[in-house]
Amino acid sequence: MAEETSCMVVTRQDHCIIQVTKAPVRRSLTPSPQMGKLIDQPVPLPKGDTGVDYDAVNEALWGLPLEGDVNGQIRAFNVLLTRMPANYCNRIQYRFLDELQKVDPQLLEVGQALIREAGHVCVFHTFGNIMKSLEWETVVGPMLNTDTDWIHGAYAVASSLGWGRWQALEVVSDEFCRVAIDGNYEANYFLASYPSTAQPACYFAQGAVPAIMNIVYNGRIQQKPVLDEAFYNRLFQRGGVFQGAEVKAREKGDPWCEFYAQRL
């Protein structure tokens, strides 16, 4: 068992101290869901009105040599990437919520909101830098004729990263978008690990979808701003941001997960 006895957030030092000892009682481990409950076959999703060719973007990006260097870092798309089993992240995410539920059920919504914000921060910075990269300019750039094409281009790239098949069904400039995810990795894990749910549970994606709208319409990524913490905080303190909701969910029995993001 592990116990953090000193945390740099509290002490303001440059390290944390974690002590590991043998647990007094042998604990059983929860079996792995393996790859989770995968879709049987791709769902024929309706295509949005765009000049972006999702299939062409996927083919081009799947052919890139995304391999780690001597330090295990994958340098591509103007960012540092990593390969990680999806269910490693999923296990941490949903176990975090399970533990909050045990401590105090009222904390559950706080945990869900934290995961949404994690999805928003991650995608805002990752895709913001992707949209400033040479790969974007080379592969997606020639297909961009309108501002809504930037939204479609981002979701075409997302489909190439192992997160499931993302498809923007409808994008209205600076107003809202509807996005479907077929084979979402969060839903794969959830369906293999929990009996049922009355509420949509793809919390990371719930934050990721509005992040794309925010980076294009609030962050004006076409102007290539510096995407640092100060920029992010300044942008989201002035209001008028896009927020999202999961309106269809495989974890509830729908054929795919669908998300809606609109400006509030």
C-alpha atoms as a PDB file:
ATOM      1  CA  MET A   1       0.000   0.000   0.000  1.00  0.00           C
ATOM      2  CA  ALA A   2       1.188   3.555  -0.674  1.00  0.00           C
ATOM      3  CA  GLU A   3       0.869   6.679   1.459  1.00  0.00           C
ATOM      4  CA  GLU A   4       1.899  10.183   0.429  1.00  0.00           C
ATOM      5  CA  THR A   5       3.517  11.688   3.518  1.00  0.00           C
ATOM      6  CA  SER A   6       4.697  14.935   1.953  1.00  0.00           C
ATOM      7  CA  CYS A   7       3.255  16.781  -1.044  1.00  0.00           C
ATOM      8  CA  MET A   8       5.001  19.552  -2.959  1.00  0.00           C
ATOM      9  CA  VAL A   9       1.664  21.330  -3.407  1.00  0.00           C
ATOM     10  CA  VAL A  10       1.546  21.809   0.367  1.00  0.00           C
ATOM     11  CA  THR A  11       5.242  22.096   1.252  1.00  0.00           C
ATOM     12  CA  ARG A  12       6.235  24.117  -1.856  1.00  0.00           C
ATOM     13  CA  GLN A  13       9.342  21.957  -2.163  1.00  0.00           C
ATOM     14  CA  ASP A  14      10.493  20.365  -5.409  1.00  0.00           C
ATOM     15  CA  HIS A  15       9.405  16.807  -4.572  1.00  0.00           C
ATOM     16  CA  CYS A  16       6.760  14.614  -2.992  1.00  0.00           C
ATOM     17  CA  ILE A  17       7.445  11.713  -0.598  1.00  0.00           C
ATOM     18  CA  ILE A  18       5.468   8.497  -0.984  1.00  0.00           C
ATOM     19  CA  GLN A  19       6.078   5.557   1.341  1.00  0.00           C
ATOM     20  CA  VAL A  20       5.229   2.048   0.171  1.00  0.00           C
ATOM     21  CA  THR A  21       4.621  -0.758   2.678  1.00  0.00           C
ATOM     22  CA  LYS A  22       3.175  -4.231   2.488  1.00  0.00           C
ATOM     23  CA  ALA A  23      -0.553  -4.252   3.149  1.00  0.00           C
ATOM     24  CA  PRO A  24      -1.532  -6.092   6.333  1.00  0.00           C
ATOM     25  CA  VAL A  25      -4.365  -7.904   4.554  1.00  0.00           C
ATOM     26  CA  ARG A  26      -4.101  -9.477   1.130  1.00  0.00           C
ATOM     27  CA  ARG A  27      -6.458  -7.691  -1.244  1.00  0.00           C
ATOM     28  CA  SER A  28      -8.039  -9.171  -4.332  1.00  0.00           C
ATOM     29  CA  LEU A  29      -7.651  -7.266  -7.579  1.00  0.00           C
ATOM     30  CA  THR A  30     -10.563  -6.395  -9.828  1.00  0.00           C
ATOM     31  CA  PRO A  31     -10.216  -8.342 -13.083  1.00  0.00           C
ATOM     32  CA  SER A  32      -9.291  -6.260 -16.110  1.00  0.00           C
ATOM     33  CA  PRO A  33     -12.075  -5.634 -18.640  1.00  0.00           C
ATOM     34  CA  GLN A  34      -9.437  -6.254 -21.312  1.00  0.00           C
ATOM     35  CA  MET A  35     -10.352  -4.086 -24.329  1.00  0.00           C
ATOM     36  CA  GLY A  36     -13.829  -3.467 -22.981  1.00  0.00           C
ATOM     37  CA  LYS A  37     -17.098  -3.955 -24.847  1.00  0.00           C
ATOM     38  CA  LEU A  38     -16.233  -3.072 -28.432  1.00  0.00           C
ATOM     39  CA  ILE A  39     -18.747  -2.233 -31.137  1.00  0.00           C
ATOM     40  CA  ASP A  40     -19.704  -5.109 -33.432  1.00  0.00           C
ATOM     41  CA  GLN A  41     -19.273  -3.019 -36.560  1.00  0.00           C
ATOM     42  CA  PRO A  42     -19.032   0.681 -37.452  1.00  0.00           C
ATOM     43  CA  VAL A  43     -22.307   2.587 -37.402  1.00  0.00           C
ATOM     44  CA  PRO A  44     -23.136   4.459 -40.643  1.00  0.00           C
ATOM     45  CA  LEU A  45     -22.993   8.001 -39.274  1.00  0.00           C
ATOM     46  CA  PRO A  46     -24.501  10.902 -41.239  1.00  0.00           C
ATOM     47  CA  LYS A  47     -21.834  13.185 -42.708  1.00  0.00           C
ATOM     48  CA  GLY A  48     -21.846  16.895 -42.020  1.00  0.00           C
ATOM     49  CA  ASP A  49     -21.613  19.646 -44.625  1.00  0.00           C
ATOM     50  CA  THR A  50     -17.865  20.133 -45.069  1.00  0.00           C
ATOM     51  CA  GLY A  51     -15.024  19.963 -47.530  1.00  0.00           C
ATOM     52  CA  VAL A  52     -12.930  17.968 -45.058  1.00  0.00           C
ATOM     53  CA  ASP A  53     -12.424  14.365 -46.174  1.00  0.00           C
ATOM     54  CA  TYR A  54     -12.351  12.407 -42.906  1.00  0.00           C
ATOM     55  CA  ASP A  55     -11.175   9.196 -44.590  1.00  0.00           C
ATOM     56  CA  ALA A  56      -8.312  10.953 -46.372  1.00  0.00           C
ATOM     57  CA  VAL A  57      -7.165  12.599 -43.130  1.00  0.00           C
ATOM     58  CA  ASN A  58      -7.258   9.251 -41.348  1.00  0.00           C
ATOM     59  CA  GLU A  59      -5.271   7.492 -44.064  1.00  0.00           C
ATOM     60  CA  ALA A  60      -2.632  10.217 -44.099  1.00  0.00           C
ATOM     61  CA  LEU A  61      -2.176  10.331 -40.329  1.00  0.00           C
ATOM     62  CA  TRP A  62      -2.263   6.572 -39.812  1.00  0.00           C
ATOM     63  CA  GLY A  63       0.754   6.385 -42.116  1.00  0.00           C
ATOM     64  CA  LEU A  64       2.893   8.713 -39.978  1.00  0.00           C
ATOM     65  CA  PRO A  65       5.731   7.051 -38.003  1.00  0.00           C
ATOM     66  CA  LEU A  66       4.483   7.931 -34.530  1.00  0.00           C
ATOM     67  CA  GLU A  67       7.296   6.283 -32.593  1.00  0.00           C
ATOM     68  CA  GLY A  68       8.981   7.293 -29.368  1.00  0.00           C
ATOM     69  CA  ASP A  69      12.524   8.625 -29.216  1.00  0.00           C
ATOM     70  CA  VAL A  70      15.211   7.392 -26.812  1.00  0.00           C
ATOM     71  CA  ASN A  71      13.309   9.085 -23.992  1.00  0.00           C
ATOM     72  CA  GLY A  72       9.991   7.525 -24.991  1.00  0.00           C
ATOM     73  CA  GLN A  73       8.594  10.822 -26.222  1.00  0.00           C
ATOM     74  CA  ILE A  74       6.595  11.035 -29.461  1.00  0.00           C
ATOM     75  CA  ARG A  75       7.170  14.423 -31.062  1.00  0.00           C
ATOM     76  CA  ALA A  76       4.470  15.103 -33.649  1.00  0.00           C
ATOM     77  CA  PHE A  77       1.734  17.625 -34.456  1.00  0.00           C
ATOM     78  CA  ASN A  78       3.665  20.343 -32.572  1.00  0.00           C
ATOM     79  CA  VAL A  79       3.067  18.495 -29.264  1.00  0.00           C
ATOM     80  CA  LEU A  80       4.480  15.673 -27.156  1.00  0.00           C
ATOM     81  CA  LEU A  81       2.328  12.543 -27.421  1.00  0.00           C
ATOM     82  CA  THR A  82       2.381   9.232 -25.610  1.00  0.00           C
ATOM     83  CA  ARG A  83       0.943   5.792 -26.246  1.00  0.00           C
ATOM     84  CA  MET A  84      -1.043   4.528 -23.281  1.00  0.00           C
ATOM     85  CA  PRO A  85      -3.616   1.744 -22.876  1.00  0.00           C
ATOM     86  CA  ALA A  86      -7.023   3.401 -22.881  1.00  0.00           C
ATOM     87  CA  ASN A  87      -8.254   1.299 -19.990  1.00  0.00           C
ATOM     88  CA  TYR A  88      -5.369   2.448 -17.803  1.00  0.00           C
ATOM     89  CA  CYS A  89      -6.804   5.972 -17.992  1.00  0.00           C
ATOM     90  CA  ASN A  90     -10.348   4.661 -17.737  1.00  0.00           C
ATOM     91  CA  ARG A  91      -9.589   2.637 -14.613  1.00  0.00           C
ATOM     92  CA  ILE A  92      -8.143   5.684 -12.861  1.00  0.00           C
ATOM     93  CA  GLN A  93     -11.037   7.882 -13.976  1.00  0.00           C
ATOM     94  CA  TYR A  94     -13.928   5.662 -12.933  1.00  0.00           C
ATOM     95  CA  ARG A  95     -12.257   4.342  -9.777  1.00  0.00           C
ATOM     96  CA  PHE A  96     -11.713   7.961  -8.732  1.00  0.00           C
ATOM     97  CA  LEU A  97     -15.474   8.491  -9.020  1.00  0.00           C
ATOM     98  CA  ASP A  98     -16.204   5.242  -7.170  1.00  0.00           C
ATOM     99  CA  GLU A  99     -14.010   6.313  -4.246  1.00  0.00           C
ATOM    100  CA  LEU A 100     -15.665   9.746  -4.100  1.00  0.00           C
ATOM    101  CA  GLN A 101     -19.059   8.043  -4.006  1.00  0.00           C
ATOM    102  CA  LYS A 102     -17.928   5.987  -1.007  1.00  0.00           C
ATOM    103  CA  VAL A 103     -16.670   9.041   0.875  1.00  0.00           C
ATOM    104  CA  ASP A 104     -19.683  11.260   0.184  1.00  0.00           C
ATOM    105  CA  PRO A 105     -22.215  10.857  -2.653  1.00  0.00           C
ATOM    106  CA  GLN A 106     -22.407  14.648  -2.914  1.00  0.00           C
ATOM    107  CA  LEU A 107     -18.798  14.663  -4.127  1.00  0.00           C
ATOM    108  CA  LEU A 108     -19.668  12.627  -7.219  1.00  0.00           C
ATOM    109  CA  GLU A 109     -20.772  15.602  -9.287  1.00  0.00           C
ATOM    110  CA  VAL A 110     -17.604  17.457  -8.304  1.00  0.00           C
ATOM    111  CA  GLY A 111     -15.513  14.539  -9.567  1.00  0.00           C
ATOM    112  CA  GLN A 112     -17.439  14.379 -12.826  1.00  0.00           C
ATOM    113  CA  ALA A 113     -16.921  18.119 -13.338  1.00  0.00           C
ATOM    114  CA  LEU A 114     -13.183  17.705 -12.713  1.00  0.00           C
ATOM    115  CA  ILE A 115     -12.950  15.038 -15.420  1.00  0.00           C
ATOM    116  CA  ARG A 116     -14.874  17.230 -17.864  1.00  0.00           C
ATOM    117  CA  GLU A 117     -12.464  20.072 -17.168  1.00  0.00           C
ATOM    118  CA  ALA A 118      -9.514  17.711 -17.613  1.00  0.00           C
ATOM    119  CA  GLY A 119     -10.913  16.757 -21.031  1.00  0.00           C
ATOM    120  CA  HIS A 120     -11.427  20.408 -21.903  1.00  0.00           C
ATOM    121  CA  VAL A 121      -7.927  21.519 -20.850  1.00  0.00           C
ATOM    122  CA  CYS A 122      -6.265  18.547 -22.553  1.00  0.00           C
ATOM    123  CA  VAL A 123      -8.055  18.918 -25.876  1.00  0.00           C
ATOM    124  CA  PHE A 124      -7.868  22.731 -25.882  1.00  0.00           C
ATOM    125  CA  HIS A 125      -4.075  22.706 -25.616  1.00  0.00           C
ATOM    126  CA  THR A 126      -3.424  19.521 -27.601  1.00  0.00           C
ATOM    127  CA  PHE A 127      -5.634  20.358 -30.553  1.00  0.00           C
ATOM    128  CA  GLY A 128      -4.747  24.019 -30.381  1.00  0.00           C
ATOM    129  CA  ASN A 129      -1.128  23.056 -30.970  1.00  0.00           C
ATOM    130  CA  ILE A 130      -2.109  20.451 -33.553  1.00  0.00           C
ATOM    131  CA  MET A 131      -3.874  23.204 -35.514  1.00  0.00           C
ATOM    132  CA  LYS A 132      -0.627  25.189 -35.513  1.00  0.00           C
ATOM    133  CA  SER A 133       1.490  22.245 -36.690  1.00  0.00           C
ATOM    134  CA  LEU A 134       3.109  21.468 -40.028  1.00  0.00           C
ATOM    135  CA  GLU A 135       1.191  18.188 -40.197  1.00  0.00           C
ATOM    136  CA  TRP A 136      -2.102  20.092 -39.912  1.00  0.00           C
ATOM    137  CA  GLU A 137      -1.111  22.591 -42.584  1.00  0.00           C
ATOM    138  CA  THR A 138       0.004  19.786 -44.898  1.00  0.00           C
ATOM    139  CA  VAL A 139      -2.810  17.256 -44.433  1.00  0.00           C
ATOM    140  CA  VAL A 140      -5.847  19.254 -43.310  1.00  0.00           C
ATOM    141  CA  GLY A 141      -4.957  22.785 -44.403  1.00  0.00           C
ATOM    142  CA  PRO A 142      -5.813  22.347 -48.117  1.00  0.00           C
ATOM    143  CA  MET A 143      -9.339  21.212 -47.143  1.00  0.00           C
ATOM    144  CA  LEU A 144     -10.141  24.285 -45.006  1.00  0.00           C
ATOM    145  CA  ASN A 145     -12.453  26.711 -46.790  1.00  0.00           C
ATOM    146  CA  THR A 146     -14.665  27.884 -43.916  1.00  0.00           C
ATOM    147  CA  ASP A 147     -14.350  28.247 -40.155  1.00  0.00           C
ATOM    148  CA  THR A 148     -16.640  25.239 -39.681  1.00  0.00           C
ATOM    149  CA  ASP A 149     -14.147  23.158 -41.670  1.00  0.00           C
ATOM    150  CA  TRP A 150     -11.683  23.736 -38.821  1.00  0.00           C
ATOM    151  CA  ILE A 151     -14.121  21.950 -36.487  1.00  0.00           C
ATOM    152  CA  HIS A 152     -14.521  19.044 -38.901  1.00  0.00           C
ATOM    153  CA  GLY A 153     -10.756  18.874 -39.415  1.00  0.00           C
ATOM    154  CA  ALA A 154     -10.167  18.584 -35.680  1.00  0.00           C
ATOM    155  CA  TYR A 155     -12.597  15.702 -35.351  1.00  0.00           C
ATOM    156  CA  ALA A 156     -11.079  13.977 -38.372  1.00  0.00           C
ATOM    157  CA  VAL A 157      -7.709  14.117 -36.596  1.00  0.00           C
ATOM    158  CA  ALA A 158      -9.304  12.859 -33.367  1.00  0.00           C
ATOM    159  CA  SER A 159     -10.466   9.775 -35.249  1.00  0.00           C
ATOM    160  CA  SER A 160      -6.830   8.983 -36.007  1.00  0.00           C
ATOM    161  CA  LEU A 161      -5.675   8.874 -32.383  1.00  0.00           C
ATOM    162  CA  GLY A 162      -7.332   5.697 -31.119  1.00  0.00           C
ATOM    163  CA  TRP A 163     -10.198   7.393 -29.276  1.00  0.00           C
ATOM    164  CA  GLY A 164     -12.954   5.957 -31.481  1.00  0.00           C
ATOM    165  CA  ARG A 165     -14.462   7.369 -34.684  1.00  0.00           C
ATOM    166  CA  TRP A 166     -15.411  11.029 -34.248  1.00  0.00           C
ATOM    167  CA  GLN A 167     -17.790  12.670 -36.711  1.00  0.00           C
ATOM    168  CA  ALA A 168     -19.177  16.202 -36.573  1.00  0.00           C
ATOM    169  CA  LEU A 169     -22.800  15.771 -37.655  1.00  0.00           C
ATOM    170  CA  GLU A 170     -23.672  19.465 -37.694  1.00  0.00           C
ATOM    171  CA  VAL A 171     -21.691  22.639 -37.121  1.00  0.00           C
ATOM    172  CA  VAL A 172     -23.244  26.107 -37.099  1.00  0.00           C
ATOM    173  CA  SER A 173     -20.596  28.820 -37.145  1.00  0.00           C
ATOM    174  CA  ASP A 174     -19.938  30.299 -33.692  1.00  0.00           C
ATOM    175  CA  GLU A 175     -23.188  28.812 -32.332  1.00  0.00           C
ATOM    176  CA  PHE A 176     -23.208  25.053 -31.765  1.00  0.00           C
ATOM    177  CA  CYS A 177     -22.105  21.641 -32.988  1.00  0.00           C
ATOM    178  CA  ARG A 178     -23.330  18.040 -32.761  1.00  0.00           C
ATOM    179  CA  VAL A 179     -20.683  15.332 -32.681  1.00  0.00           C
ATOM    180  CA  ALA A 180     -21.012  11.543 -32.749  1.00  0.00           C
ATOM    181  CA  ILE A 181     -18.390   9.136 -31.426  1.00  0.00           C
ATOM    182  CA  ASP A 182     -18.626   5.535 -32.584  1.00  0.00           C
ATOM    183  CA  GLY A 183     -16.653   3.114 -30.409  1.00  0.00           C
ATOM    184  CA  ASN A 184     -15.712   5.676 -27.766  1.00  0.00           C
ATOM    185  CA  TYR A 185     -13.055   4.180 -25.472  1.00  0.00           C
ATOM    186  CA  GLU A 186     -14.794   5.503 -22.342  1.00  0.00           C
ATOM    187  CA  ALA A 187     -18.010   3.694 -23.276  1.00  0.00           C
ATOM    188  CA  ASN A 188     -16.069   0.510 -24.114  1.00  0.00           C
ATOM    189  CA  TYR A 189     -14.677   0.394 -20.581  1.00  0.00           C
ATOM    190  CA  PHE A 190     -17.866   1.474 -18.840  1.00  0.00           C
ATOM    191  CA  LEU A 191     -20.032  -1.153 -20.551  1.00  0.00           C
ATOM    192  CA  ALA A 192     -17.605  -3.913 -19.559  1.00  0.00           C
ATOM    193  CA  SER A 193     -17.234  -2.750 -15.954  1.00  0.00           C
ATOM    194  CA  TYR A 194     -20.634  -1.566 -14.748  1.00  0.00           C
ATOM    195  CA  PRO A 195     -24.082  -3.188 -14.960  1.00  0.00           C
ATOM    196  CA  SER A 196     -26.072  -0.155 -16.113  1.00  0.00           C
ATOM    197  CA  THR A 197     -26.428   3.596 -15.855  1.00  0.00           C
ATOM    198  CA  ALA A 198     -29.248   6.123 -16.031  1.00  0.00           C
ATOM    199  CA  GLN A 199     -26.905   8.993 -16.889  1.00  0.00           C
ATOM    200  CA  PRO A 200     -24.326   9.387 -19.695  1.00  0.00           C
ATOM    201  CA  ALA A 201     -20.846   8.614 -18.361  1.00  0.00           C
ATOM    202  CA  CYS A 202     -18.299   9.664 -21.026  1.00  0.00           C
ATOM    203  CA  TYR A 203     -17.108  12.591 -18.911  1.00  0.00           C
ATOM    204  CA  PHE A 204     -13.777  13.222 -20.645  1.00  0.00           C
ATOM    205  CA  ALA A 205     -15.483  13.481 -24.049  1.00  0.00           C
ATOM    206  CA  GLN A 206     -18.121  15.784 -22.546  1.00  0.00           C
ATOM    207  CA  GLY A 207     -15.307  18.264 -21.932  1.00  0.00           C
ATOM    208  CA  ALA A 208     -13.407  17.520 -25.130  1.00  0.00           C
ATOM    209  CA  VAL A 209     -16.214  18.367 -27.572  1.00  0.00           C
ATOM    210  CA  PRO A 210     -16.802  21.991 -26.451  1.00  0.00           C
ATOM    211  CA  ALA A 211     -13.018  22.482 -26.255  1.00  0.00           C
ATOM    212  CA  ILE A 212     -12.789  22.263 -30.064  1.00  0.00           C
ATOM    213  CA  MET A 213     -15.450  24.958 -30.463  1.00  0.00           C
ATOM    214  CA  ASN A 214     -13.722  27.123 -27.859  1.00  0.00           C
ATOM    215  CA  ILE A 215     -10.285  26.903 -29.474  1.00  0.00           C
ATOM    216  CA  VAL A 216     -11.688  27.924 -32.872  1.00  0.00           C
ATOM    217  CA  TYR A 217     -14.295  30.543 -31.967  1.00  0.00           C
ATOM    218  CA  ASN A 218     -13.007  31.936 -28.666  1.00  0.00           C
ATOM    219  CA  GLY A 219      -9.297  31.199 -28.953  1.00  0.00           C
ATOM    220  CA  ARG A 220      -9.154  32.190 -32.651  1.00  0.00           C
ATOM    221  CA  ILE A 221      -6.594  29.486 -33.323  1.00  0.00           C
ATOM    222  CA  GLN A 222      -6.404  30.591 -36.966  1.00  0.00           C
ATOM    223  CA  GLN A 223      -4.374  33.573 -35.671  1.00  0.00           C
ATOM    224  CA  LYS A 224      -1.918  31.189 -33.935  1.00  0.00           C
ATOM    225  CA  PRO A 225      -1.989  32.595 -30.383  1.00  0.00           C
ATOM    226  CA  VAL A 226       0.457  31.434 -27.727  1.00  0.00           C
ATOM    227  CA  LEU A 227      -1.375  28.673 -25.869  1.00  0.00           C
ATOM    228  CA  ASP A 228      -0.098  29.136 -22.349  1.00  0.00           C
ATOM    229  CA  GLU A 229      -1.830  29.022 -18.970  1.00  0.00           C
ATOM    230  CA  ALA A 230      -2.317  32.792 -18.887  1.00  0.00           C
ATOM    231  CA  PHE A 231      -4.088  32.712 -22.270  1.00  0.00           C
ATOM    232  CA  TYR A 232      -6.368  29.883 -21.131  1.00  0.00           C
ATOM    233  CA  ASN A 233      -7.307  31.573 -17.855  1.00  0.00           C
ATOM    234  CA  ARG A 234      -7.906  34.945 -19.511  1.00  0.00           C
ATOM    235  CA  LEU A 235     -10.084  33.364 -22.183  1.00  0.00           C
ATOM    236  CA  PHE A 236     -12.389  31.521 -19.822  1.00  0.00           C
ATOM    237  CA  GLN A 237     -12.768  34.195 -17.201  1.00  0.00           C
ATOM    238  CA  ARG A 238     -14.631  36.520 -19.543  1.00  0.00           C
ATOM    239  CA  GLY A 239     -17.611  34.228 -20.192  1.00  0.00           C
ATOM    240  CA  GLY A 240     -19.387  33.354 -23.425  1.00  0.00           C
ATOM    241  CA  VAL A 241     -17.721  29.946 -23.636  1.00  0.00           C
ATOM    242  CA  PHE A 242     -19.022  26.749 -25.194  1.00  0.00           C
ATOM    243  CA  GLN A 243     -20.214  23.984 -22.890  1.00  0.00           C
ATOM    244  CA  GLY A 244     -21.216  20.471 -23.798  1.00  0.00           C
ATOM    245  CA  ALA A 245     -23.617  17.673 -22.955  1.00  0.00           C
ATOM    246  CA  GLU A 246     -23.840  13.999 -23.891  1.00  0.00           C
ATOM    247  CA  VAL A 247     -27.271  13.571 -25.480  1.00  0.00           C
ATOM    248  CA  LYS A 248     -26.902   9.970 -26.679  1.00  0.00           C
ATOM    249  CA  ALA A 249     -24.866   7.310 -24.911  1.00  0.00           C
ATOM    250  CA  ARG A 250     -23.892   3.733 -25.696  1.00  0.00           C
ATOM    251  CA  GLU A 251     -23.663   3.220 -21.947  1.00  0.00           C
ATOM    252  CA  LYS A 252     -27.435   3.891 -21.881  1.00  0.00           C
ATOM    253  CA  GLY A 253     -28.233   1.679 -24.862  1.00  0.00           C
ATOM    254  CA  ASP A 254     -27.948   4.135 -27.776  1.00  0.00           C
ATOM    255  CA  PRO A 255     -26.098   2.930 -30.901  1.00  0.00           C
ATOM    256  CA  TRP A 256     -23.407   5.624 -30.528  1.00  0.00           C
ATOM    257  CA  CYS A 257     -22.442   8.451 -28.203  1.00  0.00           C
ATOM    258  CA  GLU A 258     -23.494  11.918 -29.305  1.00  0.00           C
ATOM    259  CA  PHE A 259     -22.517  15.273 -27.855  1.00  0.00           C
ATOM    260  CA  TYR A 260     -23.878  18.788 -28.203  1.00  0.00           C
ATOM    261  CA  ALA A 261     -21.824  21.930 -27.563  1.00  0.00           C
ATOM    262  CA  GLN A 262     -23.292  25.420 -27.548  1.00  0.00           C
ATOM    263  CA  ARG A 263     -22.276  28.882 -26.404  1.00  0.00           C
ATOM    264  CA  LEU A 264     -23.630  29.875 -22.997  1.00  0.00           C
END
